[in-house]
N, C-alpha and C. Protein backbone atom coordinates (compact mmCIF):
# COMPACT_ATOMS: atom_id res chain seq x y z
N MET A 1 86.18 114.05 102.54
CA MET A 1 85.06 114.84 102.10
C MET A 1 84.64 115.89 103.12
N ILE A 2 84.74 115.56 104.39
CA ILE A 2 84.37 116.53 105.46
C ILE A 2 85.42 117.39 105.84
N LYS A 3 86.75 116.92 105.66
CA LYS A 3 87.94 117.66 106.05
C LYS A 3 87.96 118.99 105.34
N GLY A 4 88.28 120.11 106.05
CA GLY A 4 88.33 121.42 105.42
C GLY A 4 87.02 122.11 105.33
N THR A 5 85.90 121.54 105.69
CA THR A 5 84.62 122.08 105.66
C THR A 5 84.18 122.59 107.04
N PRO A 6 83.20 123.52 107.18
CA PRO A 6 82.83 123.98 108.50
C PRO A 6 82.33 122.77 109.38
N PHE A 7 81.78 121.70 108.85
CA PHE A 7 81.30 120.69 109.53
C PHE A 7 82.50 120.00 110.35
N ALA A 8 83.66 120.12 109.87
CA ALA A 8 84.90 119.49 110.54
C ALA A 8 85.02 119.94 111.98
N GLY A 9 84.54 121.18 112.18
CA GLY A 9 84.64 121.78 113.59
C GLY A 9 83.35 121.64 114.40
N ALA A 10 82.44 120.81 113.89
CA ALA A 10 81.13 120.63 114.67
C ALA A 10 81.39 119.87 115.90
N PRO A 11 80.50 119.97 116.94
CA PRO A 11 80.66 119.15 118.12
C PRO A 11 80.59 117.66 117.83
N ASP A 12 81.29 116.96 118.67
CA ASP A 12 81.34 115.46 118.47
C ASP A 12 80.04 114.80 118.44
N ASP A 13 79.06 115.22 119.25
CA ASP A 13 77.78 114.54 119.30
C ASP A 13 77.06 114.72 118.07
N LEU A 14 77.16 115.97 117.42
CA LEU A 14 76.60 116.19 116.15
C LEU A 14 77.15 115.35 115.06
N LYS A 15 78.45 115.17 115.06
CA LYS A 15 79.11 114.32 114.13
C LYS A 15 78.71 112.91 114.19
N LEU A 16 78.53 112.38 115.47
CA LEU A 16 78.07 111.03 115.57
C LEU A 16 76.71 110.87 115.06
N ARG A 17 75.76 111.81 115.37
CA ARG A 17 74.40 111.72 114.83
C ARG A 17 74.41 111.73 113.28
N PHE A 18 75.25 112.50 112.72
CA PHE A 18 75.34 112.63 111.25
C PHE A 18 75.69 111.25 110.70
N VAL A 19 76.72 110.61 111.25
CA VAL A 19 77.16 109.37 110.75
C VAL A 19 75.99 108.30 110.73
N ASP A 20 75.15 108.35 111.74
CA ASP A 20 74.13 107.34 111.96
C ASP A 20 72.89 107.64 111.19
N GLU A 21 72.75 108.83 110.62
CA GLU A 21 71.40 109.20 109.89
C GLU A 21 71.65 109.19 108.45
N SER A 22 70.63 109.49 107.76
CA SER A 22 70.54 109.37 106.27
C SER A 22 71.61 110.22 105.53
N GLY A 23 71.86 111.40 106.05
CA GLY A 23 72.95 112.19 105.41
C GLY A 23 74.27 111.51 105.47
N GLY A 24 74.60 110.96 106.63
CA GLY A 24 75.85 110.32 106.76
C GLY A 24 75.95 109.02 105.96
N GLN A 25 74.82 108.34 105.79
CA GLN A 25 74.80 107.09 104.96
C GLN A 25 74.98 107.41 103.49
N PHE A 26 74.39 108.62 103.05
CA PHE A 26 74.58 109.01 101.75
C PHE A 26 76.01 109.32 101.38
N VAL A 27 76.67 110.14 102.29
CA VAL A 27 78.07 110.38 102.11
C VAL A 27 78.88 109.14 102.09
N SER A 28 78.57 108.17 102.99
CA SER A 28 79.31 106.92 103.09
C SER A 28 79.19 106.10 101.75
N ASP A 29 77.98 106.06 101.22
CA ASP A 29 77.74 105.35 99.99
C ASP A 29 78.52 106.03 98.80
N PHE A 30 78.51 107.39 98.83
CA PHE A 30 79.19 108.00 97.78
C PHE A 30 80.71 107.89 97.78
N MET A 31 81.17 107.85 99.02
CA MET A 31 82.67 107.61 99.18
C MET A 31 83.08 106.24 98.78
N GLN A 32 82.21 105.26 99.05
CA GLN A 32 82.51 103.84 98.51
C GLN A 32 82.53 103.75 97.01
N LEU A 33 81.55 104.45 96.45
CA LEU A 33 81.42 104.47 95.00
C LEU A 33 82.65 105.17 94.38
N GLU A 34 83.02 106.26 94.98
CA GLU A 34 84.20 107.00 94.56
C GLU A 34 85.49 106.17 94.69
N GLN A 35 85.49 105.37 95.79
CA GLN A 35 86.67 104.46 95.88
C GLN A 35 86.72 103.46 94.78
N ARG A 36 85.57 102.88 94.43
CA ARG A 36 85.60 101.89 93.39
C ARG A 36 85.93 102.48 92.04
N LEU A 37 85.45 103.70 91.74
CA LEU A 37 85.64 104.27 90.39
C LEU A 37 87.03 104.96 90.30
N LEU A 38 87.49 105.58 91.41
CA LEU A 38 88.65 106.44 91.28
C LEU A 38 89.77 106.00 92.24
N GLY A 39 89.65 104.78 92.72
CA GLY A 39 90.60 104.40 93.76
C GLY A 39 92.07 104.46 93.36
N ASP A 40 92.44 104.03 92.23
CA ASP A 40 93.85 104.08 91.85
C ASP A 40 94.29 105.55 91.72
N TRP A 41 93.50 106.34 91.20
CA TRP A 41 93.83 107.81 91.08
C TRP A 41 94.03 108.44 92.40
N LYS A 42 92.99 108.12 93.36
CA LYS A 42 93.15 108.69 94.72
C LYS A 42 94.42 108.20 95.45
N VAL A 43 94.73 106.88 95.27
CA VAL A 43 96.03 106.48 95.86
C VAL A 43 97.17 107.25 95.36
N GLY A 44 97.21 107.53 94.04
CA GLY A 44 98.30 108.33 93.48
C GLY A 44 98.34 109.65 94.00
N LYS A 45 97.23 110.29 94.27
CA LYS A 45 97.17 111.71 94.88
C LYS A 45 97.69 111.73 96.29
N ILE A 46 97.36 110.67 97.07
CA ILE A 46 97.81 110.55 98.42
C ILE A 46 99.30 110.35 98.49
N VAL A 47 99.82 109.54 97.65
CA VAL A 47 101.30 109.36 97.49
C VAL A 47 101.96 110.63 97.10
N GLU A 48 101.34 111.34 96.15
CA GLU A 48 101.93 112.66 95.80
C GLU A 48 101.89 113.71 96.95
N ALA A 49 100.83 113.58 97.69
CA ALA A 49 100.75 114.50 98.89
C ALA A 49 101.77 114.22 99.99
N ALA A 50 102.35 112.96 99.91
CA ALA A 50 103.42 112.57 100.95
C ALA A 50 104.67 113.38 100.65
N GLY A 51 104.88 113.98 99.56
CA GLY A 51 106.01 114.74 99.28
C GLY A 51 106.94 114.08 98.37
N GLU A 52 107.87 115.01 97.85
CA GLU A 52 108.86 114.54 96.89
C GLU A 52 109.85 113.47 97.41
N GLY A 53 110.16 113.59 98.67
CA GLY A 53 111.10 112.66 99.31
C GLY A 53 110.44 111.39 99.83
N PHE A 54 109.19 111.09 99.53
CA PHE A 54 108.51 109.93 100.08
C PHE A 54 109.24 108.64 99.78
N ASP A 55 109.50 107.95 100.82
CA ASP A 55 110.16 106.61 100.66
C ASP A 55 109.22 105.48 101.02
N SER A 56 108.71 104.85 99.93
CA SER A 56 107.61 103.90 100.03
C SER A 56 108.03 102.75 100.97
N ALA A 57 109.26 102.25 100.84
CA ALA A 57 109.73 101.10 101.67
C ALA A 57 109.76 101.45 103.13
N ALA A 58 110.32 102.64 103.43
CA ALA A 58 110.48 103.11 104.76
C ALA A 58 109.05 103.28 105.36
N ALA A 59 108.19 103.92 104.60
CA ALA A 59 106.82 104.13 105.17
C ALA A 59 106.10 102.91 105.44
N ARG A 60 106.26 101.88 104.54
CA ARG A 60 105.60 100.65 104.88
C ARG A 60 106.13 99.94 106.07
N GLN A 61 107.48 100.04 106.19
CA GLN A 61 108.02 99.45 107.35
C GLN A 61 107.59 100.05 108.56
N ASP A 62 107.45 101.40 108.64
CA ASP A 62 106.92 102.17 109.70
C ASP A 62 105.51 101.70 110.03
N MET A 63 104.71 101.57 109.03
CA MET A 63 103.29 101.16 109.16
C MET A 63 103.24 99.82 109.76
N ARG A 64 104.01 98.87 109.24
CA ARG A 64 104.02 97.51 109.71
C ARG A 64 104.41 97.45 111.22
N ALA A 65 105.44 98.21 111.60
CA ALA A 65 105.78 98.26 113.03
C ALA A 65 104.69 98.74 113.87
N LEU A 66 104.01 99.77 113.55
CA LEU A 66 102.84 100.31 114.28
C LEU A 66 101.73 99.29 114.30
N VAL A 67 101.44 98.69 113.14
CA VAL A 67 100.28 97.74 113.14
C VAL A 67 100.63 96.48 114.01
N GLY A 68 101.87 96.16 114.10
CA GLY A 68 102.26 95.04 114.97
C GLY A 68 102.45 95.39 116.48
N SER A 69 102.17 96.57 116.86
CA SER A 69 102.48 96.98 118.21
C SER A 69 101.26 96.74 119.16
N ARG A 70 100.12 96.48 118.60
CA ARG A 70 98.90 96.33 119.37
C ARG A 70 98.03 95.24 118.65
N PRO A 71 97.12 94.60 119.42
CA PRO A 71 96.14 93.67 118.71
C PRO A 71 95.23 94.51 117.78
N VAL A 72 94.96 95.77 118.15
CA VAL A 72 94.10 96.59 117.26
C VAL A 72 94.78 97.92 117.07
N VAL A 73 94.85 98.41 115.85
CA VAL A 73 95.43 99.64 115.49
C VAL A 73 94.54 100.51 114.55
N CYS A 74 94.27 101.72 114.91
CA CYS A 74 93.30 102.48 114.06
C CYS A 74 94.00 103.81 113.69
N PHE A 75 94.18 104.03 112.40
CA PHE A 75 94.80 105.26 111.85
C PHE A 75 93.49 106.19 111.61
N SER A 76 93.65 107.41 112.04
CA SER A 76 92.48 108.27 112.14
C SER A 76 92.81 109.69 111.81
N PHE A 77 91.76 110.47 111.49
CA PHE A 77 91.78 111.96 111.48
C PHE A 77 91.01 112.48 112.52
N VAL A 78 91.49 113.54 113.26
CA VAL A 78 90.79 114.09 114.44
C VAL A 78 89.40 114.58 114.14
N ASP A 79 89.30 115.21 113.04
CA ASP A 79 87.95 115.89 112.68
C ASP A 79 86.97 115.08 111.81
N CYS A 80 87.36 113.82 111.66
CA CYS A 80 86.57 113.02 110.74
C CYS A 80 85.40 112.30 111.54
N PRO A 81 84.13 112.43 111.14
CA PRO A 81 82.99 111.83 111.92
C PRO A 81 83.11 110.35 111.95
N TRP A 82 83.55 109.68 110.98
CA TRP A 82 83.62 108.23 110.93
C TRP A 82 84.81 107.74 111.77
N CYS A 83 85.82 108.55 111.85
CA CYS A 83 86.98 108.20 112.78
C CYS A 83 86.50 108.30 114.15
N LEU A 84 85.68 109.38 114.51
CA LEU A 84 85.22 109.59 115.83
C LEU A 84 84.26 108.44 116.16
N ALA A 85 83.46 107.98 115.30
CA ALA A 85 82.53 106.84 115.57
C ALA A 85 83.33 105.60 115.74
N ALA A 86 84.38 105.37 115.00
CA ALA A 86 85.17 104.18 115.14
C ALA A 86 85.83 104.16 116.53
N LYS A 87 86.38 105.33 116.96
CA LYS A 87 87.07 105.35 118.31
C LYS A 87 86.11 105.12 119.41
N ARG A 88 84.83 105.66 119.18
CA ARG A 88 83.78 105.43 120.19
C ARG A 88 83.45 103.95 120.30
N LEU A 89 83.30 103.27 119.11
CA LEU A 89 83.01 101.89 119.11
C LEU A 89 84.16 101.11 119.69
N LEU A 90 85.44 101.41 119.37
CA LEU A 90 86.51 100.64 119.90
C LEU A 90 86.66 100.75 121.35
N PHE A 91 86.63 102.00 121.90
CA PHE A 91 86.88 102.22 123.28
C PHE A 91 85.61 102.14 124.23
N ASP A 92 84.50 102.44 123.66
CA ASP A 92 83.27 102.59 124.46
C ASP A 92 82.45 101.24 124.32
N GLU A 93 81.95 100.95 123.15
CA GLU A 93 81.06 99.86 122.98
C GLU A 93 81.90 98.56 123.12
N LEU A 94 83.04 98.41 122.62
CA LEU A 94 83.86 97.24 122.75
C LEU A 94 84.84 97.22 123.81
N ALA A 95 84.97 98.38 124.57
CA ALA A 95 85.81 98.50 125.78
C ALA A 95 87.24 98.04 125.66
N LEU A 96 87.87 98.45 124.52
CA LEU A 96 89.32 98.06 124.41
C LEU A 96 90.13 99.01 125.33
N SER A 97 91.19 98.42 125.84
CA SER A 97 92.17 99.18 126.66
C SER A 97 93.28 99.80 125.72
N ASP A 98 94.03 100.73 126.30
CA ASP A 98 95.09 101.31 125.61
C ASP A 98 96.15 100.28 125.20
N GLU A 99 96.28 99.22 125.98
CA GLU A 99 97.16 98.16 125.72
C GLU A 99 96.66 97.32 124.49
N GLN A 100 95.38 97.32 124.28
CA GLN A 100 94.88 96.51 123.15
C GLN A 100 94.72 97.29 122.00
N CYS A 101 94.53 98.57 122.01
CA CYS A 101 94.29 99.43 120.82
C CYS A 101 95.10 100.64 120.78
N LEU A 102 95.70 100.88 119.70
CA LEU A 102 96.55 102.10 119.45
C LEU A 102 95.82 102.90 118.41
N VAL A 103 95.50 104.25 118.71
CA VAL A 103 94.95 105.13 117.77
C VAL A 103 96.01 106.14 117.34
N LEU A 104 96.14 106.35 116.07
CA LEU A 104 97.11 107.34 115.62
C LEU A 104 96.40 108.39 114.78
N GLU A 105 96.41 109.64 115.27
CA GLU A 105 95.79 110.71 114.52
C GLU A 105 96.88 111.23 113.49
N LEU A 106 96.66 110.98 112.23
CA LEU A 106 97.68 111.29 111.26
C LEU A 106 98.08 112.67 111.07
N GLU A 107 97.10 113.58 111.13
CA GLU A 107 97.43 115.05 111.02
C GLU A 107 98.34 115.52 112.13
N ASP A 108 98.25 114.86 113.29
CA ASP A 108 99.13 115.31 114.42
C ASP A 108 100.62 114.83 114.10
N LEU A 109 100.78 113.97 113.27
CA LEU A 109 102.14 113.44 112.96
C LEU A 109 102.90 114.14 111.85
N GLY A 110 102.31 115.18 111.31
CA GLY A 110 102.86 115.96 110.26
C GLY A 110 103.29 115.15 109.10
N ARG A 111 104.53 115.31 108.63
CA ARG A 111 105.00 114.56 107.36
C ARG A 111 104.95 113.09 107.54
N ARG A 112 105.25 112.64 108.74
CA ARG A 112 105.19 111.14 109.00
C ARG A 112 103.71 110.68 108.80
N GLY A 113 102.80 111.42 109.19
CA GLY A 113 101.36 111.10 109.01
C GLY A 113 100.98 110.98 107.59
N LYS A 114 101.50 111.84 106.70
CA LYS A 114 101.23 111.81 105.31
C LYS A 114 101.85 110.54 104.74
N SER A 115 103.09 110.22 105.15
CA SER A 115 103.78 109.06 104.64
C SER A 115 103.02 107.76 105.09
N LEU A 116 102.51 107.74 106.31
CA LEU A 116 101.75 106.64 106.80
C LEU A 116 100.52 106.44 105.98
N ARG A 117 99.82 107.54 105.79
CA ARG A 117 98.61 107.47 104.93
C ARG A 117 98.90 106.89 103.52
N ALA A 118 100.00 107.38 102.93
CA ALA A 118 100.33 106.83 101.61
C ALA A 118 100.70 105.35 101.65
N ALA A 119 101.37 104.97 102.73
CA ALA A 119 101.64 103.47 102.98
C ALA A 119 100.44 102.66 103.12
N ILE A 120 99.42 103.21 103.84
CA ILE A 120 98.17 102.52 104.00
C ILE A 120 97.48 102.37 102.60
N ALA A 121 97.39 103.50 101.86
CA ALA A 121 96.79 103.45 100.62
C ALA A 121 97.41 102.46 99.68
N LEU A 122 98.75 102.47 99.59
CA LEU A 122 99.48 101.57 98.78
C LEU A 122 99.31 100.09 99.18
N GLY A 123 99.24 99.96 100.52
CA GLY A 123 99.15 98.51 100.97
C GLY A 123 97.78 97.95 100.92
N THR A 124 96.68 98.71 101.05
CA THR A 124 95.38 98.27 101.17
C THR A 124 94.53 98.70 99.96
N GLY A 125 94.90 99.71 99.23
CA GLY A 125 94.08 100.21 98.16
C GLY A 125 92.95 101.12 98.62
N ARG A 126 92.89 101.29 99.98
CA ARG A 126 91.90 102.18 100.59
C ARG A 126 92.50 103.61 100.80
N THR A 127 91.67 104.66 100.53
CA THR A 127 92.17 105.99 100.71
C THR A 127 91.41 106.71 101.81
N SER A 128 90.38 106.23 102.27
CA SER A 128 89.60 106.91 103.35
C SER A 128 90.08 106.44 104.68
N LEU A 129 89.81 107.22 105.74
CA LEU A 129 90.02 106.94 107.13
C LEU A 129 88.66 106.86 107.81
N PRO A 130 88.59 106.06 108.93
CA PRO A 130 89.65 105.35 109.60
C PRO A 130 90.18 104.10 108.83
N ALA A 131 91.39 103.71 109.11
CA ALA A 131 91.93 102.47 108.62
C ALA A 131 92.18 101.57 109.81
N VAL A 132 91.48 100.47 110.01
CA VAL A 132 91.51 99.64 111.14
C VAL A 132 92.34 98.39 110.79
N PHE A 133 93.21 97.97 111.67
CA PHE A 133 93.96 96.73 111.57
C PHE A 133 93.77 95.85 112.81
N VAL A 134 93.52 94.68 112.57
CA VAL A 134 93.38 93.59 113.71
C VAL A 134 94.30 92.47 113.42
N GLY A 135 95.17 92.21 114.42
CA GLY A 135 96.14 91.09 114.15
C GLY A 135 97.07 91.26 112.97
N GLY A 136 97.31 92.57 112.70
CA GLY A 136 98.28 92.80 111.60
C GLY A 136 97.57 92.84 110.22
N ARG A 137 96.22 92.66 110.15
CA ARG A 137 95.51 92.54 108.92
C ARG A 137 94.56 93.78 108.77
N SER A 138 94.52 94.30 107.61
CA SER A 138 93.59 95.40 107.36
C SER A 138 92.18 94.85 107.38
N LEU A 139 91.25 95.49 108.11
CA LEU A 139 89.83 95.11 108.20
C LEU A 139 88.96 96.20 107.52
N GLY A 140 89.59 97.23 106.96
CA GLY A 140 88.84 98.37 106.35
C GLY A 140 88.63 99.42 107.33
N GLY A 141 87.53 100.13 107.25
CA GLY A 141 87.15 101.22 108.10
C GLY A 141 85.81 101.17 108.65
N PHE A 142 85.21 102.28 108.86
CA PHE A 142 83.91 102.32 109.54
C PHE A 142 82.74 102.08 108.63
N THR A 143 82.92 102.38 107.33
CA THR A 143 81.79 102.27 106.39
C THR A 143 81.94 101.08 105.41
N ASP A 144 83.01 100.37 105.58
CA ASP A 144 83.26 99.24 104.66
C ASP A 144 82.35 98.02 104.99
N GLY A 145 81.96 97.83 106.23
CA GLY A 145 81.40 96.52 106.66
C GLY A 145 82.57 95.60 107.02
N PHE A 146 82.20 94.41 107.38
CA PHE A 146 83.23 93.56 107.74
C PHE A 146 82.81 92.02 107.28
N ASP A 147 82.88 91.85 105.97
CA ASP A 147 82.41 90.58 105.46
C ASP A 147 83.41 89.47 105.46
N ARG A 148 84.51 89.71 106.15
CA ARG A 148 85.60 88.70 106.19
C ARG A 148 85.69 88.17 107.65
N VAL A 149 84.65 88.27 108.44
CA VAL A 149 84.83 87.87 109.84
C VAL A 149 85.17 86.39 110.02
N ASP A 150 84.67 85.52 109.07
CA ASP A 150 85.02 84.08 109.23
C ASP A 150 86.42 83.75 109.04
N GLU A 151 87.19 84.68 108.41
CA GLU A 151 88.60 84.46 108.17
C GLU A 151 89.49 84.78 109.47
N VAL A 152 88.80 85.55 110.39
CA VAL A 152 89.55 85.98 111.54
C VAL A 152 89.59 84.88 112.62
N ARG A 153 90.81 84.54 113.00
CA ARG A 153 91.01 83.56 114.07
C ARG A 153 92.05 84.05 115.02
N ALA A 154 91.90 83.79 116.31
CA ALA A 154 92.81 84.37 117.33
C ALA A 154 93.07 83.58 118.58
N PRO A 155 94.29 83.71 119.08
CA PRO A 155 94.53 83.09 120.29
C PRO A 155 94.12 83.93 121.61
N VAL A 156 93.50 85.04 121.40
CA VAL A 156 93.11 85.86 122.48
C VAL A 156 91.78 85.39 123.05
N GLY A 157 90.93 84.67 122.40
CA GLY A 157 89.72 84.21 122.82
C GLY A 157 88.53 84.84 122.20
N ARG A 158 87.35 84.47 122.58
CA ARG A 158 86.12 84.97 121.93
C ARG A 158 85.82 86.36 122.47
N VAL A 159 85.33 87.20 121.52
CA VAL A 159 85.01 88.57 121.92
C VAL A 159 83.74 88.99 121.20
N ARG A 160 83.19 90.09 121.74
CA ARG A 160 81.96 90.62 121.09
C ARG A 160 82.36 91.30 119.78
N PHE A 161 81.52 91.25 118.85
CA PHE A 161 81.80 91.82 117.51
C PHE A 161 80.68 92.64 117.02
N ALA A 162 80.96 93.77 116.43
CA ALA A 162 79.94 94.66 115.83
C ALA A 162 79.71 94.30 114.47
N ARG A 163 78.63 93.62 114.08
CA ARG A 163 78.38 93.23 112.75
C ARG A 163 77.50 94.19 111.96
N GLY A 164 77.39 94.01 110.71
CA GLY A 164 76.56 94.83 109.85
C GLY A 164 77.40 95.92 109.13
N SER A 165 76.66 96.92 108.67
CA SER A 165 77.29 97.90 107.71
C SER A 165 78.37 98.76 108.45
N HIS A 166 78.29 98.81 109.74
CA HIS A 166 79.18 99.74 110.54
C HIS A 166 80.15 98.96 111.50
N CYS A 167 80.35 97.70 111.20
CA CYS A 167 81.23 96.93 112.10
C CYS A 167 82.65 97.12 111.82
N ILE A 168 83.38 96.90 112.93
CA ILE A 168 84.85 97.13 112.74
C ILE A 168 85.65 95.87 113.30
N VAL A 169 85.69 95.79 114.62
CA VAL A 169 86.56 94.77 115.20
C VAL A 169 85.84 94.17 116.54
N GLY A 170 86.45 93.14 117.04
CA GLY A 170 86.02 92.60 118.25
C GLY A 170 87.00 92.96 119.37
N ALA A 171 86.54 92.87 120.61
CA ALA A 171 87.45 93.15 121.70
C ALA A 171 86.87 92.60 122.99
N ALA A 172 87.74 92.40 124.08
CA ALA A 172 87.26 91.85 125.28
C ALA A 172 87.54 92.45 126.54
N CYS A 173 88.30 93.65 126.51
CA CYS A 173 88.72 94.22 127.76
C CYS A 173 87.62 94.92 128.46
N LEU A 174 87.45 94.91 129.77
CA LEU A 174 86.44 95.59 130.55
C LEU A 174 86.85 96.91 131.15
N ARG A 175 88.16 97.26 130.77
CA ARG A 175 88.66 98.51 131.31
C ARG A 175 87.80 99.68 130.88
N ARG A 176 87.58 100.73 131.80
CA ARG A 176 86.77 101.82 131.51
C ARG A 176 87.55 102.63 130.46
N PRO A 177 86.82 103.12 129.40
CA PRO A 177 87.55 103.89 128.28
C PRO A 177 87.81 105.29 128.79
N PRO A 178 88.74 105.94 128.08
CA PRO A 178 89.08 107.35 128.46
C PRO A 178 87.81 108.22 128.19
N SER A 179 87.83 109.33 128.92
CA SER A 179 86.69 110.20 128.91
C SER A 179 86.26 110.64 127.47
N TRP A 180 87.23 110.92 126.61
CA TRP A 180 86.85 111.37 125.28
C TRP A 180 86.18 110.31 124.45
N ALA A 181 86.24 109.03 124.86
CA ALA A 181 85.60 107.99 124.10
C ALA A 181 84.24 107.58 124.71
N ARG A 182 83.87 108.21 125.87
CA ARG A 182 82.66 107.82 126.53
C ARG A 182 81.39 108.46 125.93
N LEU A 183 81.04 108.09 124.70
CA LEU A 183 79.93 108.68 124.04
C LEU A 183 78.87 107.60 123.88
N SER A 184 77.62 107.95 123.80
CA SER A 184 76.61 106.93 123.69
C SER A 184 75.83 107.02 122.33
N SER A 185 75.34 105.85 121.92
CA SER A 185 74.61 105.83 120.65
C SER A 185 73.81 104.59 120.72
N ALA A 186 72.52 104.64 120.94
CA ALA A 186 71.65 103.44 121.16
C ALA A 186 71.69 102.59 119.87
N SER A 187 71.70 103.27 118.77
CA SER A 187 71.68 102.49 117.44
C SER A 187 72.94 101.70 117.28
N MET A 188 74.08 102.30 117.74
CA MET A 188 75.41 101.60 117.67
C MET A 188 75.32 100.36 118.60
N VAL A 189 74.75 100.46 119.70
CA VAL A 189 74.67 99.41 120.70
C VAL A 189 73.85 98.27 120.00
N ARG A 190 72.77 98.66 119.20
CA ARG A 190 71.90 97.60 118.63
C ARG A 190 72.71 96.81 117.56
N ARG A 191 73.63 97.45 117.04
CA ARG A 191 74.47 96.81 115.99
C ARG A 191 75.41 95.72 116.53
N ALA A 192 75.69 95.82 117.86
CA ALA A 192 76.71 94.83 118.38
C ALA A 192 76.07 93.50 118.64
N CYS A 193 76.41 92.48 117.95
CA CYS A 193 75.83 91.19 118.07
C CYS A 193 76.77 90.19 117.52
N GLY A 194 76.59 88.94 117.89
CA GLY A 194 77.33 87.81 117.45
C GLY A 194 78.69 87.69 118.14
N THR A 195 79.41 86.69 117.73
CA THR A 195 80.69 86.36 118.40
C THR A 195 81.70 86.02 117.29
N CYS A 196 82.92 86.35 117.51
CA CYS A 196 83.93 85.94 116.60
C CYS A 196 85.24 85.73 117.29
N MET A 197 86.23 85.32 116.60
CA MET A 197 87.49 85.09 117.16
C MET A 197 88.38 86.29 116.87
N HIS A 198 89.06 86.85 117.83
CA HIS A 198 89.83 87.95 117.71
C HIS A 198 91.34 87.66 117.45
N VAL A 199 91.83 88.18 116.30
CA VAL A 199 93.33 87.92 116.09
C VAL A 199 94.20 88.73 116.94
N ALA A 200 95.20 88.13 117.61
CA ALA A 200 96.14 88.73 118.42
C ALA A 200 97.36 89.21 117.62
N SER A 201 98.11 90.12 118.08
CA SER A 201 99.29 90.58 117.59
C SER A 201 99.16 91.77 116.69
N SER A 202 98.56 92.65 116.69
CA SER A 202 98.74 93.69 115.69
C SER A 202 99.41 94.81 116.36
N CYS A 203 95.09 98.55 114.75
CA CYS A 203 94.21 99.39 114.76
C CYS A 203 94.46 99.45 115.14
N ARG A 204 92.88 102.70 110.09
CA ARG A 204 93.58 103.90 111.30
C ARG A 204 94.35 104.22 111.47
């Protein structure tokens, strides 16, 4: 919804404020309603956008290989406010290291990025980004919530977890995040609570 609009080029701090305020919540709610009502149609359009030579089996194999390469994998769009907020949460609030979390900006991958997005849509039924995977399992994105936390078990140990409407994943690394991820949001910090078990082997 934001992609292709002037807001896509807005400063990162403005995008983060938008996500956390009423306007961003309205857009988030609308996108979730759209997903429920038009999900199958949107999946079809994303597959169509992947091009005439789209190979579903090869794309899914590519996605599975990427998802299995880190404990957390996040498929993202560079100019998406919710993707930016997800990366800030993953690397800043949850302090994941590059070894723990792989972020893939799909538009930077050209045709492969379109194929990966189609594979994600076909595999999860979700058409919006970010698409976050932990332990090889899809946990949704930044606006979905995380109501399956009790299903997640891991050999990595207990980690902090961001619960509530904007939660994504847990993580335990204390490594200082890269400079692009060092953004602050007091309201996001307030959302971080509770403990869960983090699935190893996999986040978008």
